[in-house]
Structure formats: structure tokens, C-alpha cells
Amino acid sequence: MLLMGPITGYYRITKKVFANPEDAAKFSVKEKMNDADVERVRRAHQNDLENIPVFWVVALLFVLTGPSETTARYVFRIYTIARIQHTVMYLKSSGMRGVAYAVALALKFFMAATVIYTFW
């Protein structure tokens, strides 16, 4: 998630695609709103921003349930790998990114169910 801002900037600069007039003026181009590559990176970043903070909250609550260290370690590692794969596949236009998304989502549901079961 931290790399998506610089990646967006890289695509904007290399393709000279800027949404704001002041940014476009620095490169002597007109503002442009709809470059396919820049928009793909922005959508991937938006997807990260919509999903990863929810994971942080659910993961914190999950840790409060006192899971085994091994279980927590595997859940967190697999989730992280799945989200990184999802982002990379999103940037490469892979139709398989849904699998990575589903894995991450299933882990969030597992943690949420554990929290509800433990504290209900």
C-alpha cells in the first residue's frame, strides 16, 4: 500500500498524465483525466485503501482473542502475501487477481468469526 502512491506518480510522470493544471504546467502539458494505465494504478491503490485498514482492525481484534502464535503467524503471512499478489496482478491486468482477493477475504472472515465466537 505504501508503494502505490510513488507508483502512481511514476506512471503520471512517465506518461505525462496529470489531473491538476498546476502539475501539468510543470511539464508543459495539458491536464488529462483518463489514461488507462494511470487509472489502473489508481484503482489498485484504491482497492488497497478499502481493504487493508479493515484487516488492521479485524487483526487487532483477532489478536485479542488469544489465538495460538502459529495460527496468527500463518493468517497474517498468508493475508500479506495474498494482498501483495492481488496488487501485482491488478497492475499486470491478470484475471487471476480474484483468487488472491478471495484468499485475503476468507482470512478476514475467519478472523472476524473467531472474534464474534470468542466475545459473543
C-alpha atoms as a PDB file:
ATOM      1  CA  MET A   1       0.000   0.000   0.000  1.00  0.00           C
ATOM      2  CA  LEU A   2       2.876   2.348   0.786  1.00  0.00           C
ATOM      3  CA  LEU A   3       4.373   1.901  -2.678  1.00  0.00           C
ATOM      4  CA  MET A   4       1.189   2.639  -4.612  1.00  0.00           C
ATOM      5  CA  GLY A   5       1.492   6.442  -4.263  1.00  0.00           C
ATOM      6  CA  PRO A   6       5.003   6.536  -5.746  1.00  0.00           C
ATOM      7  CA  ILE A   7       3.972   4.052  -8.458  1.00  0.00           C
ATOM      8  CA  THR A   8       1.059   6.332  -9.387  1.00  0.00           C
ATOM      9  CA  GLY A   9       3.470   9.264  -9.524  1.00  0.00           C
ATOM     10  CA  TYR A  10       5.860   7.273 -11.701  1.00  0.00           C
ATOM     11  CA  TYR A  11       3.091   6.484 -14.197  1.00  0.00           C
ATOM     12  CA  ARG A  12       1.859  10.082 -14.207  1.00  0.00           C
ATOM     13  CA  ILE A  13       5.350  11.486 -14.844  1.00  0.00           C
ATOM     14  CA  THR A  14       6.457   8.922 -17.445  1.00  0.00           C
ATOM     15  CA  LYS A  15       3.172   9.194 -19.370  1.00  0.00           C
ATOM     16  CA  LYS A  16       2.811  12.939 -18.714  1.00  0.00           C
ATOM     17  CA  VAL A  17      -0.745  12.486 -17.447  1.00  0.00           C
ATOM     18  CA  PHE A  18      -1.777  14.965 -14.761  1.00  0.00           C
ATOM     19  CA  ALA A  19      -5.243  15.680 -13.412  1.00  0.00           C
ATOM     20  CA  ASN A  20      -4.338  19.078 -11.926  1.00  0.00           C
ATOM     21  CA  PRO A  21      -3.439  22.085 -14.099  1.00  0.00           C
ATOM     22  CA  GLU A  22      -0.569  23.153 -11.834  1.00  0.00           C
ATOM     23  CA  ASP A  23       1.051  19.712 -12.124  1.00  0.00           C
ATOM     24  CA  ALA A  24       0.574  19.607 -15.896  1.00  0.00           C
ATOM     25  CA  ALA A  25       2.085  23.094 -16.237  1.00  0.00           C
ATOM     26  CA  LYS A  26       5.359  21.898 -14.669  1.00  0.00           C
ATOM     27  CA  PHE A  27       5.754  19.505 -17.621  1.00  0.00           C
ATOM     28  CA  SER A  28       4.272  21.869 -20.236  1.00  0.00           C
ATOM     29  CA  VAL A  29       1.318  19.579 -20.997  1.00  0.00           C
ATOM     30  CA  LYS A  30      -2.438  19.908 -20.638  1.00  0.00           C
ATOM     31  CA  GLU A  31      -4.224  18.143 -17.820  1.00  0.00           C
ATOM     32  CA  LYS A  32      -5.653  14.772 -18.743  1.00  0.00           C
ATOM     33  CA  MET A  33      -8.023  12.715 -16.622  1.00  0.00           C
ATOM     34  CA  ASN A  34      -8.368   9.297 -18.199  1.00  0.00           C
ATOM     35  CA  ASP A  35      -5.163   7.474 -19.113  1.00  0.00           C
ATOM     36  CA  ALA A  36      -5.807   3.726 -18.865  1.00  0.00           C
ATOM     37  CA  ASP A  37      -2.504   2.868 -17.170  1.00  0.00           C
ATOM     38  CA  VAL A  38      -2.687   5.653 -14.594  1.00  0.00           C
ATOM     39  CA  GLU A  39      -6.302   4.797 -13.818  1.00  0.00           C
ATOM     40  CA  ARG A  40      -5.402   1.113 -13.325  1.00  0.00           C
ATOM     41  CA  VAL A  41      -2.746   2.059 -10.776  1.00  0.00           C
ATOM     42  CA  ARG A  42      -5.189   4.405  -9.042  1.00  0.00           C
ATOM     43  CA  ARG A  43      -7.835   1.656  -8.860  1.00  0.00           C
ATOM     44  CA  ALA A  44      -5.302  -0.795  -7.425  1.00  0.00           C
ATOM     45  CA  HIS A  45      -4.327   1.797  -4.814  1.00  0.00           C
ATOM     46  CA  GLN A  46      -7.989   2.486  -4.017  1.00  0.00           C
ATOM     47  CA  ASN A  47      -8.593  -1.242  -3.584  1.00  0.00           C
ATOM     48  CA  ASP A  48      -5.722  -1.432  -1.102  1.00  0.00           C
ATOM     49  CA  LEU A  49      -7.088   1.567   0.796  1.00  0.00           C
ATOM     50  CA  GLU A  50     -10.521  -0.064   1.010  1.00  0.00           C
ATOM     51  CA  ASN A  51      -9.316  -3.458   2.219  1.00  0.00           C
ATOM     52  CA  ILE A  52      -6.107  -3.208   4.224  1.00  0.00           C
ATOM     53  CA  PRO A  53      -7.340  -0.869   7.016  1.00  0.00           C
ATOM     54  CA  VAL A  54     -10.251  -3.255   7.638  1.00  0.00           C
ATOM     55  CA  PHE A  55      -7.690  -6.026   8.012  1.00  0.00           C
ATOM     56  CA  TRP A  56      -5.800  -3.986  10.620  1.00  0.00           C
ATOM     57  CA  VAL A  57      -8.927  -3.594  12.753  1.00  0.00           C
ATOM     58  CA  VAL A  58     -10.008  -7.230  12.409  1.00  0.00           C
ATOM     59  CA  ALA A  59      -6.437  -8.426  13.033  1.00  0.00           C
ATOM     60  CA  LEU A  60      -6.196  -6.380  16.233  1.00  0.00           C
ATOM     61  CA  LEU A  61      -9.461  -7.850  17.499  1.00  0.00           C
ATOM     62  CA  PHE A  62      -8.300 -11.309  16.423  1.00  0.00           C
ATOM     63  CA  VAL A  63      -5.096 -10.950  18.456  1.00  0.00           C
ATOM     64  CA  LEU A  64      -7.230 -10.043  21.475  1.00  0.00           C
ATOM     65  CA  THR A  65      -8.898 -13.464  21.237  1.00  0.00           C
ATOM     66  CA  GLY A  66      -5.579 -15.085  22.161  1.00  0.00           C
ATOM     67  CA  PRO A  67      -5.001 -17.273  19.096  1.00  0.00           C
ATOM     68  CA  SER A  68      -2.010 -19.574  19.020  1.00  0.00           C
ATOM     69  CA  GLU A  69       1.126 -17.856  17.802  1.00  0.00           C
ATOM     70  CA  THR A  70       1.380 -20.292  14.902  1.00  0.00           C
ATOM     71  CA  THR A  71      -2.190 -19.655  13.761  1.00  0.00           C
ATOM     72  CA  ALA A  72      -1.789 -15.890  13.938  1.00  0.00           C
ATOM     73  CA  ARG A  73       1.550 -16.037  12.144  1.00  0.00           C
ATOM     74  CA  TYR A  74       0.119 -18.096   9.258  1.00  0.00           C
ATOM     75  CA  VAL A  75      -3.028 -15.990   8.945  1.00  0.00           C
ATOM     76  CA  PHE A  76      -1.049 -12.736   8.848  1.00  0.00           C
ATOM     77  CA  ARG A  77       1.608 -14.041   6.466  1.00  0.00           C
ATOM     78  CA  ILE A  78      -0.851 -15.605   4.036  1.00  0.00           C
ATOM     79  CA  TYR A  79      -3.019 -12.471   4.093  1.00  0.00           C
ATOM     80  CA  THR A  80       0.004 -10.269   3.372  1.00  0.00           C
ATOM     81  CA  ILE A  81       1.157 -12.496   0.517  1.00  0.00           C
ATOM     82  CA  ALA A  82      -2.365 -12.618  -0.949  1.00  0.00           C
ATOM     83  CA  ARG A  83      -2.736  -8.835  -0.843  1.00  0.00           C
ATOM     84  CA  ILE A  84       0.668  -8.256  -2.431  1.00  0.00           C
ATOM     85  CA  GLN A  85      -0.178 -10.790  -5.136  1.00  0.00           C
ATOM     86  CA  HIS A  86      -3.555  -9.117  -5.672  1.00  0.00           C
ATOM     87  CA  THR A  87      -1.936  -5.715  -6.158  1.00  0.00           C
ATOM     88  CA  VAL A  88       0.744  -7.035  -8.505  1.00  0.00           C
ATOM     89  CA  MET A  89      -1.839  -8.965 -10.519  1.00  0.00           C
ATOM     90  CA  TYR A  90      -4.056  -5.882 -10.639  1.00  0.00           C
ATOM     91  CA  LEU A  91      -1.199  -3.840 -12.085  1.00  0.00           C
ATOM     92  CA  LYS A  92      -0.422  -6.577 -14.632  1.00  0.00           C
ATOM     93  CA  SER A  93      -4.103  -6.897 -15.689  1.00  0.00           C
ATOM     94  CA  SER A  94      -4.320 -10.513 -14.550  1.00  0.00           C
ATOM     95  CA  GLY A  95      -7.757 -12.058 -14.344  1.00  0.00           C
ATOM     96  CA  MET A  96      -6.454 -14.286 -11.541  1.00  0.00           C
ATOM     97  CA  ARG A  97      -6.369 -11.435  -9.042  1.00  0.00           C
ATOM     98  CA  GLY A  98      -9.793 -12.573  -7.828  1.00  0.00           C
ATOM     99  CA  VAL A  99      -8.200 -15.692  -6.327  1.00  0.00           C
ATOM    100  CA  ALA A 100      -5.793 -13.605  -4.258  1.00  0.00           C
ATOM    101  CA  TYR A 101      -8.669 -11.347  -3.231  1.00  0.00           C
ATOM    102  CA  ALA A 102     -10.773 -14.343  -2.194  1.00  0.00           C
ATOM    103  CA  VAL A 103      -7.951 -15.792  -0.076  1.00  0.00           C
ATOM    104  CA  ALA A 104      -7.498 -12.475   1.748  1.00  0.00           C
ATOM    105  CA  LEU A 105     -11.249 -12.089   2.202  1.00  0.00           C
ATOM    106  CA  ALA A 106     -11.605 -15.639   3.563  1.00  0.00           C
ATOM    107  CA  LEU A 107      -8.896 -14.915   6.134  1.00  0.00           C
ATOM    108  CA  LYS A 108     -10.671 -11.720   7.213  1.00  0.00           C
ATOM    109  CA  PHE A 109     -13.901 -13.692   7.618  1.00  0.00           C
ATOM    110  CA  PHE A 110     -12.055 -16.361   9.605  1.00  0.00           C
ATOM    111  CA  MET A 111     -10.649 -13.741  11.963  1.00  0.00           C
ATOM    112  CA  ALA A 112     -13.993 -11.946  12.279  1.00  0.00           C
ATOM    113  CA  ALA A 113     -15.779 -15.226  13.024  1.00  0.00           C
ATOM    114  CA  THR A 114     -13.177 -16.030  15.680  1.00  0.00           C
ATOM    115  CA  VAL A 115     -13.715 -12.618  17.270  1.00  0.00           C
ATOM    116  CA  ILE A 116     -17.503 -12.999  17.261  1.00  0.00           C
ATOM    117  CA  TYR A 117     -17.330 -16.544  18.605  1.00  0.00           C
ATOM    118  CA  THR A 118     -14.914 -15.549  21.364  1.00  0.00           C
ATOM    119  CA  PHE A 119     -16.577 -12.362  22.565  1.00  0.00           C
ATOM    120  CA  TRP A 120     -20.254 -13.102  21.951  1.00  0.00           C
END
